[in-house]
Amino acid sequence: MTFNEWGLILTLAALAFGIRVLGLVAGNQVQQSRFAPLLGHLPGLIVISLVATSLANQPPQTWVAAAIALGIAALTNNVIWTMVAGVAAYAVLSHAALL
C-alpha cells in the first residue's frame, strides 16, 4: 500500500474516533443541562413528528384511519392492536372510496 492509502486509513480512523468522543462529550453536556428532563420525552416526540409529516399530504381516509388507530392506542395501550386496527380501517376506507 502506498503512503497516501495509509494516510487516508489513519485519517478516517482518527475522524471516526473523534466523532465518538465528541458524541460522548456532547451527550454528557446535554445530560447536565437544563434540558435533561426533556430527554425522556424525546422518543415520543420523534414518533409524533414522523407520523405528522407522513400524514401531511394524505387523503381523508388516511386521516380517519390514523384517528381510529389513535383511539385504539388510547383504549388498549397495545401496539399490535393499534397497528391491526389502523391497517384494517385504512383497508376498509380505501375499498369504500373505490366503490
N, C-alpha and C. Protein backbone atom coordinates (compact mmCIF):
# COMPACT_ATOMS: atom_id res chain seq x y z
N MET A 1 0.84 -1.18 0.00
CA MET A 1 0.00 0.00 0.00
C MET A 1 0.89 1.24 0.00
N THR A 2 0.35 2.26 -0.60
CA THR A 2 1.12 3.49 -0.71
C THR A 2 0.95 4.35 0.53
N PHE A 3 1.78 5.37 0.60
CA PHE A 3 1.72 6.31 1.72
C PHE A 3 0.36 7.01 1.76
N ASN A 4 -0.18 7.36 0.59
CA ASN A 4 -1.48 8.04 0.53
C ASN A 4 -2.60 7.16 1.06
N GLU A 5 -2.57 5.88 0.75
CA GLU A 5 -3.60 4.95 1.23
C GLU A 5 -3.53 4.81 2.75
N TRP A 6 -2.31 4.66 3.28
CA TRP A 6 -2.15 4.58 4.74
C TRP A 6 -2.59 5.89 5.40
N GLY A 7 -2.27 6.98 4.79
CA GLY A 7 -2.69 8.29 5.32
C GLY A 7 -4.19 8.42 5.37
N LEU A 8 -4.85 7.96 4.31
CA LEU A 8 -6.31 8.01 4.27
C LEU A 8 -6.90 7.13 5.36
N ILE A 9 -6.39 5.91 5.52
CA ILE A 9 -6.89 4.99 6.54
C ILE A 9 -6.71 5.59 7.93
N LEU A 10 -5.55 6.14 8.22
CA LEU A 10 -5.30 6.73 9.53
C LEU A 10 -6.17 7.97 9.77
N THR A 11 -6.34 8.77 8.72
CA THR A 11 -7.19 9.96 8.85
C THR A 11 -8.63 9.57 9.14
N LEU A 12 -9.16 8.59 8.41
CA LEU A 12 -10.54 8.14 8.63
C LEU A 12 -10.70 7.51 10.01
N ALA A 13 -9.70 6.76 10.46
CA ALA A 13 -9.76 6.17 11.80
C ALA A 13 -9.77 7.26 12.87
N ALA A 14 -8.93 8.27 12.70
CA ALA A 14 -8.89 9.37 13.67
C ALA A 14 -10.21 10.14 13.67
N LEU A 15 -10.79 10.36 12.50
CA LEU A 15 -12.08 11.06 12.42
C LEU A 15 -13.20 10.24 13.06
N ALA A 16 -13.21 8.93 12.82
CA ALA A 16 -14.24 8.08 13.43
C ALA A 16 -14.12 8.10 14.95
N PHE A 17 -12.90 8.02 15.45
CA PHE A 17 -12.70 8.08 16.89
C PHE A 17 -13.11 9.45 17.43
N GLY A 18 -12.76 10.50 16.71
CA GLY A 18 -13.12 11.86 17.14
C GLY A 18 -14.63 12.06 17.20
N ILE A 19 -15.35 11.51 16.25
CA ILE A 19 -16.81 11.62 16.24
C ILE A 19 -17.39 10.94 17.48
N ARG A 20 -16.86 9.80 17.83
CA ARG A 20 -17.36 9.09 19.01
C ARG A 20 -17.06 9.85 20.30
N VAL A 21 -15.87 10.39 20.39
CA VAL A 21 -15.50 11.17 21.58
C VAL A 21 -16.37 12.43 21.66
N LEU A 22 -16.57 13.10 20.53
CA LEU A 22 -17.41 14.30 20.51
C LEU A 22 -18.84 13.97 20.94
N GLY A 23 -19.36 12.84 20.47
CA GLY A 23 -20.70 12.41 20.88
C GLY A 23 -20.78 12.15 22.37
N LEU A 24 -19.75 11.54 22.92
CA LEU A 24 -19.72 11.26 24.36
C LEU A 24 -19.67 12.55 25.17
N VAL A 25 -18.83 13.48 24.76
CA VAL A 25 -18.72 14.76 25.46
C VAL A 25 -20.02 15.55 25.34
N ALA A 26 -20.57 15.62 24.13
CA ALA A 26 -21.81 16.37 23.92
C ALA A 26 -22.96 15.73 24.69
N GLY A 27 -23.03 14.40 24.72
CA GLY A 27 -24.07 13.71 25.46
C GLY A 27 -24.00 14.01 26.95
N ASN A 28 -22.80 14.04 27.49
CA ASN A 28 -22.64 14.37 28.91
C ASN A 28 -23.06 15.81 29.19
N GLN A 29 -22.74 16.71 28.28
CA GLN A 29 -23.13 18.11 28.46
C GLN A 29 -24.64 18.28 28.42
N VAL A 30 -25.31 17.56 27.52
CA VAL A 30 -26.77 17.65 27.42
C VAL A 30 -27.41 17.07 28.67
N GLN A 31 -26.89 15.96 29.19
CA GLN A 31 -27.46 15.36 30.39
C GLN A 31 -27.31 16.25 31.61
N GLN A 32 -26.34 17.12 31.61
CA GLN A 32 -26.13 18.02 32.74
C GLN A 32 -26.78 19.38 32.53
N SER A 33 -27.42 19.58 31.40
CA SER A 33 -28.01 20.88 31.10
C SER A 33 -29.43 20.97 31.67
N ARG A 34 -30.03 22.13 31.48
CA ARG A 34 -31.40 22.32 31.95
C ARG A 34 -32.42 21.58 31.08
N PHE A 35 -31.98 21.05 29.93
CA PHE A 35 -32.87 20.32 29.04
C PHE A 35 -32.92 18.82 29.35
N ALA A 36 -32.20 18.38 30.34
CA ALA A 36 -32.13 16.95 30.68
C ALA A 36 -33.50 16.33 30.93
N PRO A 37 -34.44 16.99 31.62
CA PRO A 37 -35.75 16.37 31.82
C PRO A 37 -36.51 16.08 30.52
N LEU A 38 -36.20 16.80 29.46
CA LEU A 38 -36.88 16.59 28.18
C LEU A 38 -36.42 15.33 27.46
N LEU A 39 -35.26 14.80 27.83
CA LEU A 39 -34.72 13.63 27.13
C LEU A 39 -35.64 12.42 27.23
N GLY A 40 -36.37 12.29 28.31
CA GLY A 40 -37.29 11.17 28.46
C GLY A 40 -38.46 11.22 27.49
N HIS A 41 -38.81 12.43 27.06
CA HIS A 41 -39.93 12.62 26.14
C HIS A 41 -39.50 12.58 24.67
N LEU A 42 -38.21 12.58 24.42
CA LEU A 42 -37.70 12.68 23.06
C LEU A 42 -38.16 11.55 22.13
N PRO A 43 -38.15 10.27 22.54
CA PRO A 43 -38.61 9.22 21.60
C PRO A 43 -40.06 9.41 21.15
N GLY A 44 -40.94 9.77 22.07
CA GLY A 44 -42.34 10.00 21.69
C GLY A 44 -42.49 11.19 20.77
N LEU A 45 -41.73 12.23 21.02
CA LEU A 45 -41.78 13.41 20.16
C LEU A 45 -41.29 13.10 18.75
N ILE A 46 -40.29 12.26 18.65
CA ILE A 46 -39.77 11.88 17.33
C ILE A 46 -40.82 11.08 16.57
N VAL A 47 -41.48 10.14 17.25
CA VAL A 47 -42.52 9.33 16.59
C VAL A 47 -43.67 10.22 16.13
N ILE A 48 -44.10 11.14 16.98
CA ILE A 48 -45.20 12.03 16.60
C ILE A 48 -44.82 12.90 15.41
N SER A 49 -43.60 13.39 15.38
CA SER A 49 -43.19 14.21 14.23
C SER A 49 -43.13 13.40 12.95
N LEU A 50 -42.71 12.14 13.05
CA LEU A 50 -42.68 11.28 11.86
C LEU A 50 -44.10 10.99 11.35
N VAL A 51 -45.02 10.72 12.27
CA VAL A 51 -46.40 10.45 11.88
C VAL A 51 -47.04 11.70 11.29
N ALA A 52 -46.81 12.84 11.91
CA ALA A 52 -47.41 14.09 11.42
C ALA A 52 -46.93 14.42 10.02
N THR A 53 -45.64 14.27 9.76
CA THR A 53 -45.15 14.57 8.41
C THR A 53 -45.63 13.53 7.40
N SER A 54 -45.85 12.30 7.85
CA SER A 54 -46.36 11.28 6.93
C SER A 54 -47.81 11.56 6.56
N LEU A 55 -48.57 12.15 7.47
CA LEU A 55 -49.99 12.42 7.20
C LEU A 55 -50.22 13.73 6.44
N ALA A 56 -49.21 14.54 6.31
CA ALA A 56 -49.38 15.91 5.80
C ALA A 56 -50.13 15.98 4.47
N ASN A 57 -49.79 15.16 3.51
CA ASN A 57 -50.41 15.26 2.18
C ASN A 57 -51.21 14.01 1.82
N GLN A 58 -51.83 13.41 2.81
CA GLN A 58 -52.58 12.18 2.58
C GLN A 58 -54.06 12.46 2.40
N PRO A 59 -54.77 11.54 1.74
CA PRO A 59 -56.21 11.72 1.55
C PRO A 59 -56.98 11.54 2.88
N PRO A 60 -58.25 11.93 2.89
CA PRO A 60 -59.03 11.88 4.13
C PRO A 60 -59.13 10.49 4.76
N GLN A 61 -59.20 9.43 3.95
CA GLN A 61 -59.33 8.10 4.55
C GLN A 61 -58.10 7.74 5.38
N THR A 62 -56.95 8.26 5.01
CA THR A 62 -55.74 8.01 5.80
C THR A 62 -55.84 8.72 7.14
N TRP A 63 -56.36 9.94 7.15
CA TRP A 63 -56.53 10.67 8.40
C TRP A 63 -57.55 9.98 9.31
N VAL A 64 -58.63 9.47 8.72
CA VAL A 64 -59.64 8.77 9.53
C VAL A 64 -59.06 7.49 10.10
N ALA A 65 -58.30 6.75 9.29
CA ALA A 65 -57.67 5.52 9.78
C ALA A 65 -56.67 5.85 10.90
N ALA A 66 -55.94 6.95 10.76
CA ALA A 66 -55.00 7.35 11.81
C ALA A 66 -55.74 7.73 13.09
N ALA A 67 -56.88 8.38 12.96
CA ALA A 67 -57.68 8.73 14.14
C ALA A 67 -58.21 7.48 14.83
N ILE A 68 -58.63 6.50 14.03
CA ILE A 68 -59.11 5.23 14.60
C ILE A 68 -57.96 4.53 15.32
N ALA A 69 -56.79 4.52 14.70
CA ALA A 69 -55.62 3.90 15.34
C ALA A 69 -55.27 4.62 16.63
N LEU A 70 -55.36 5.94 16.63
CA LEU A 70 -55.08 6.71 17.85
C LEU A 70 -56.08 6.35 18.95
N GLY A 71 -57.35 6.21 18.58
CA GLY A 71 -58.37 5.81 19.57
C GLY A 71 -58.09 4.44 20.15
N ILE A 72 -57.71 3.49 19.29
CA ILE A 72 -57.38 2.15 19.77
C ILE A 72 -56.15 2.19 20.66
N ALA A 73 -55.17 2.99 20.30
CA ALA A 73 -53.97 3.12 21.13
C ALA A 73 -54.31 3.67 22.51
N ALA A 74 -55.20 4.67 22.55
CA ALA A 74 -55.59 5.25 23.83
C ALA A 74 -56.38 4.26 24.69
N LEU A 75 -57.20 3.44 24.03
CA LEU A 75 -58.02 2.48 24.79
C LEU A 75 -57.22 1.26 25.27
N THR A 76 -56.36 0.72 24.40
CA THR A 76 -55.71 -0.55 24.71
C THR A 76 -54.26 -0.42 25.16
N ASN A 77 -53.59 0.66 24.76
CA ASN A 77 -52.15 0.82 25.02
C ASN A 77 -51.38 -0.40 24.53
N ASN A 78 -51.79 -0.90 23.35
CA ASN A 78 -51.18 -2.10 22.77
C ASN A 78 -50.79 -1.78 21.33
N VAL A 79 -49.52 -1.95 21.02
CA VAL A 79 -49.01 -1.61 19.69
C VAL A 79 -49.62 -2.52 18.61
N ILE A 80 -49.72 -3.80 18.90
CA ILE A 80 -50.22 -4.74 17.90
C ILE A 80 -51.67 -4.42 17.53
N TRP A 81 -52.53 -4.21 18.54
CA TRP A 81 -53.93 -3.90 18.24
C TRP A 81 -54.05 -2.56 17.53
N THR A 82 -53.20 -1.63 17.87
CA THR A 82 -53.22 -0.33 17.19
C THR A 82 -52.88 -0.49 15.71
N MET A 83 -51.84 -1.26 15.42
CA MET A 83 -51.46 -1.48 14.01
C MET A 83 -52.54 -2.23 13.26
N VAL A 84 -53.10 -3.27 13.87
CA VAL A 84 -54.15 -4.05 13.21
C VAL A 84 -55.36 -3.16 12.92
N ALA A 85 -55.77 -2.37 13.90
CA ALA A 85 -56.94 -1.51 13.71
C ALA A 85 -56.66 -0.44 12.65
N GLY A 86 -55.48 0.15 12.67
CA GLY A 86 -55.16 1.17 11.68
C GLY A 86 -55.12 0.63 10.27
N VAL A 87 -54.49 -0.53 10.09
CA VAL A 87 -54.42 -1.14 8.76
C VAL A 87 -55.80 -1.58 8.29
N ALA A 88 -56.57 -2.19 9.19
CA ALA A 88 -57.93 -2.62 8.82
C ALA A 88 -58.80 -1.42 8.46
N ALA A 89 -58.72 -0.36 9.25
CA ALA A 89 -59.52 0.84 8.96
C ALA A 89 -59.12 1.43 7.61
N TYR A 90 -57.82 1.49 7.36
CA TYR A 90 -57.37 2.04 6.08
C TYR A 90 -57.84 1.16 4.91
N ALA A 91 -57.77 -0.16 5.07
CA ALA A 91 -58.21 -1.07 4.01
C ALA A 91 -59.70 -0.89 3.72
N VAL A 92 -60.50 -0.83 4.77
CA VAL A 92 -61.95 -0.67 4.60
C VAL A 92 -62.26 0.68 3.96
N LEU A 93 -61.64 1.73 4.47
CA LEU A 93 -61.91 3.06 3.94
C LEU A 93 -61.42 3.23 2.50
N SER A 94 -60.29 2.66 2.17
CA SER A 94 -59.78 2.73 0.80
C SER A 94 -60.65 1.95 -0.15
N HIS A 95 -61.12 0.77 0.30
CA HIS A 95 -62.00 -0.04 -0.53
C HIS A 95 -63.33 0.69 -0.74
N ALA A 96 -63.85 1.32 0.29
CA ALA A 96 -65.11 2.06 0.19
C ALA A 96 -64.94 3.26 -0.76
N ALA A 97 -63.77 3.87 -0.75
CA ALA A 97 -63.54 5.02 -1.64
C ALA A 97 -63.48 4.62 -3.10
N LEU A 98 -63.10 3.36 -3.36
CA LEU A 98 -63.01 2.87 -4.75
C LEU A 98 -64.37 2.49 -5.31
N LEU A 99 -65.34 2.28 -4.45
CA LEU A 99 -66.67 1.86 -4.93
C LEU A 99 -67.46 2.99 -5.52
